Amino acid sequence: MDNDRIYRQGTYIISTDRAELDFTFLHDFLSVRSYWARGIPRETMERSIAGSICFGLYSTERQIGFARVVTDEATFGYLADVFIDEAFRGQGLGRWLIGVIMAYPSLQGLRNWMLATRDAHKLYAQFGFTALSEPERIMRKHDPELYGAQNQDGRQSGTQ
């Protein structure tokens, strides 16, 4: 990515350089520890990262957090896969990560942002996110069993 950026806060770094991402850590967290992507195949996760602007959060020792934005960089952004490793929570790192994302240059001027969360409403409200005012206008197609479905040859069936 030509526009890779680095942000520093004390001993922590946020980088948009995909080459810095620890794919083993990301896959473990998303496929095992997250509630929203449990069971996601590594190949699917890698494709999702390739199609997104990614933000890796690092301590001096290792990667400790992540978020990505699926976007056309003009009108719409979907904030996805946001997490901080449990051992590093409670330090304001999630707030810092979302702040960096919301100020990221190519994401300025987006008319619509969306995200889904089960438990971080207060965090996102600090950045202007609200519940849908007209939920009857929003639709989705969702297959919660997709990551568990297998083809006869053992490969993942369907698409994300």
Protein backbone atom coordinates (compact mmCIF):
# COMPACT_ATOMS: atom_id res chain seq x y z
CA MET A 1 0.00 0.00 0.00
CA ASP A 2 1.51 3.30 -1.09
CA ASN A 3 -0.09 5.34 1.68
CA ASP A 4 0.96 3.26 4.69
CA ARG A 5 0.90 5.32 7.86
CA ILE A 6 2.22 4.86 11.39
CA TYR A 7 0.72 6.40 14.54
CA ARG A 8 2.45 6.32 17.94
CA GLN A 9 1.17 6.62 21.48
CA GLY A 10 3.71 5.81 24.18
CA THR A 11 5.02 2.31 23.49
CA TYR A 12 2.11 1.47 21.15
CA ILE A 13 1.96 1.76 17.37
CA ILE A 14 -0.87 1.64 14.87
CA SER A 15 0.23 0.82 11.33
CA THR A 16 -1.70 0.49 8.08
CA ASP A 17 1.07 -1.61 6.53
CA ARG A 18 -0.44 -5.04 5.78
CA ALA A 19 3.07 -6.54 5.67
CA GLU A 20 3.31 -5.97 9.43
CA LEU A 21 0.16 -7.97 10.24
CA ASP A 22 0.57 -11.19 12.21
CA PHE A 23 -1.85 -13.43 10.29
CA THR A 24 -1.48 -16.28 12.78
CA PHE A 25 -2.50 -14.01 15.67
CA LEU A 26 -5.36 -12.51 13.65
CA HIS A 27 -6.71 -15.87 12.59
CA ASP A 28 -6.49 -17.26 16.11
CA PHE A 29 -8.34 -14.30 17.57
CA LEU A 30 -11.01 -14.08 14.89
CA SER A 31 -11.65 -17.81 14.41
CA VAL A 32 -11.40 -18.88 18.05
CA ARG A 33 -11.89 -15.92 20.41
CA SER A 34 -14.30 -13.60 18.57
CA TYR A 35 -18.06 -14.01 18.62
CA TRP A 36 -18.56 -12.53 15.14
CA ALA A 37 -16.12 -14.58 13.04
CA ARG A 38 -15.81 -17.84 14.97
CA GLY A 39 -14.65 -20.58 12.65
CA ILE A 40 -13.61 -18.27 9.80
CA PRO A 41 -11.20 -20.11 7.47
CA ARG A 42 -7.78 -18.49 7.23
CA GLU A 43 -8.12 -18.08 3.44
CA THR A 44 -11.39 -16.18 3.90
CA MET A 45 -9.81 -13.96 6.55
CA GLU A 46 -6.86 -13.22 4.26
CA ARG A 47 -9.21 -12.26 1.41
CA SER A 48 -11.14 -9.94 3.74
CA ILE A 49 -7.91 -8.22 4.74
CA ALA A 50 -6.81 -7.87 1.11
CA GLY A 51 -10.04 -6.02 0.32
CA SER A 52 -9.87 -3.60 3.25
CA ILE A 53 -7.90 -0.74 4.75
CA CYS A 54 -6.30 -2.43 7.75
CA PHE A 55 -5.11 -1.01 11.05
CA GLY A 56 -2.77 -3.19 13.11
CA LEU A 57 -2.13 -2.23 16.74
CA TYR A 58 1.23 -3.28 18.20
CA SER A 59 2.98 -3.20 21.56
CA THR A 60 6.75 -3.29 21.59
CA GLU A 61 6.62 -7.09 21.62
CA ARG A 62 3.81 -8.07 19.25
CA GLN A 63 0.50 -7.35 17.57
CA ILE A 64 -2.24 -6.74 20.13
CA GLY A 65 -5.18 -5.39 18.13
CA PHE A 66 -6.75 -4.92 14.76
CA ALA A 67 -9.52 -3.26 12.80
CA ARG A 68 -10.36 -2.98 9.14
CA VAL A 69 -12.58 -0.78 7.01
CA VAL A 70 -14.34 -2.09 3.92
CA THR A 71 -14.81 1.03 1.81
CA ASP A 72 -15.01 2.68 -1.59
CA GLU A 73 -13.08 5.61 -0.02
CA ALA A 74 -15.70 8.02 -1.35
CA THR A 75 -19.16 7.39 0.12
CA PHE A 76 -19.28 4.38 2.45
CA GLY A 77 -17.25 2.58 5.11
CA TYR A 78 -17.98 -0.57 7.09
CA LEU A 79 -15.91 -0.91 10.26
CA ALA A 80 -15.18 -4.58 10.92
CA ASP A 81 -13.14 -7.02 13.01
CA VAL A 82 -12.24 -4.47 15.70
CA PHE A 83 -10.53 -6.00 18.71
CA ILE A 84 -7.88 -5.50 21.37
CA ASP A 85 -6.20 -8.56 22.92
CA GLU A 86 -7.72 -9.20 26.35
CA ALA A 87 -4.40 -8.60 28.17
CA PHE A 88 -4.25 -5.03 26.84
CA ARG A 89 -7.84 -3.88 27.37
CA GLY A 90 -8.79 -1.07 29.73
CA GLN A 91 -5.99 1.27 28.62
CA GLY A 92 -7.93 3.36 26.10
CA LEU A 93 -6.33 1.56 23.14
CA GLY A 94 -9.70 0.80 21.52
CA ARG A 95 -10.68 4.47 21.70
CA TRP A 96 -7.31 5.44 20.22
CA LEU A 97 -7.66 2.86 17.42
CA ILE A 98 -11.15 4.08 16.45
CA GLY A 99 -9.96 7.70 16.64
CA VAL A 100 -7.11 6.95 14.22
CA ILE A 101 -9.51 5.21 11.85
CA MET A 102 -12.05 8.03 11.93
CA ALA A 103 -9.30 10.59 11.17
CA TYR A 104 -7.61 8.51 8.46
CA PRO A 105 -7.18 10.73 5.35
CA SER A 106 -8.80 8.52 2.69
CA LEU A 107 -11.82 7.92 4.94
CA GLN A 108 -12.75 11.59 5.29
CA GLY A 109 -16.04 12.74 3.78
CA LEU A 110 -17.75 9.34 3.81
CA ARG A 111 -21.50 9.92 3.92
CA ASN A 112 -22.30 6.60 5.57
CA TRP A 113 -20.47 4.45 8.09
CA MET A 114 -21.78 1.19 9.48
CA LEU A 115 -20.69 -1.42 11.98
CA ALA A 116 -22.13 -4.21 14.05
CA THR A 117 -21.38 -4.71 17.74
CA ARG A 118 -22.78 -6.74 20.58
CA ASP A 119 -21.08 -4.93 23.45
CA ALA A 120 -19.18 -1.76 22.48
CA HIS A 121 -22.00 0.72 21.84
CA LYS A 122 -20.57 3.30 24.28
CA LEU A 123 -17.19 3.27 22.55
CA TYR A 124 -18.64 3.84 19.09
CA ALA A 125 -21.14 6.46 20.30
CA GLN A 126 -18.13 8.64 21.20
CA PHE A 127 -17.41 8.82 17.46
CA GLY A 128 -20.95 9.61 16.35
CA PHE A 129 -22.30 6.12 15.72
CA THR A 130 -25.98 5.67 16.62
CA ALA A 131 -28.61 2.98 16.29
CA LEU A 132 -30.33 2.96 12.91
CA SER A 133 -33.00 5.66 12.75
CA GLU A 134 -34.82 3.84 9.97
CA PRO A 135 -34.08 0.13 10.42
CA GLU A 136 -36.94 -0.76 8.09
CA ARG A 137 -34.82 0.60 5.23
CA ILE A 138 -31.78 -1.58 5.95
CA MET A 139 -31.65 -5.19 4.84
CA ARG A 140 -29.03 -7.88 5.06
CA LYS A 141 -28.39 -11.42 3.96
CA HIS A 142 -26.66 -13.37 6.72
CA ASP A 143 -25.53 -16.99 6.94
CA PRO A 144 -24.31 -17.63 10.51
CA GLU A 145 -23.51 -21.27 9.72
CA LEU A 146 -21.32 -20.55 6.68
CA TYR A 147 -17.92 -20.99 8.37
CA GLY A 148 -18.97 -24.39 9.67
CA ALA A 149 -20.27 -25.66 6.33
CA GLN A 150 -17.85 -27.92 4.46
CA ASN A 151 -17.85 -29.29 0.92
CA GLN A 152 -17.28 -32.96 0.24
CA ASP A 153 -13.58 -32.31 -0.44
CA GLY A 154 -13.17 -30.52 2.93
CA ARG A 155 -13.01 -27.03 1.46
CA GLN A 156 -15.21 -24.20 2.65
CA SER A 157 -18.51 -23.94 0.81
CA GLY A 158 -20.15 -20.69 -0.22
CA THR A 159 -18.68 -17.23 -0.07
CA GLN A 160 -18.39 -14.57 2.57
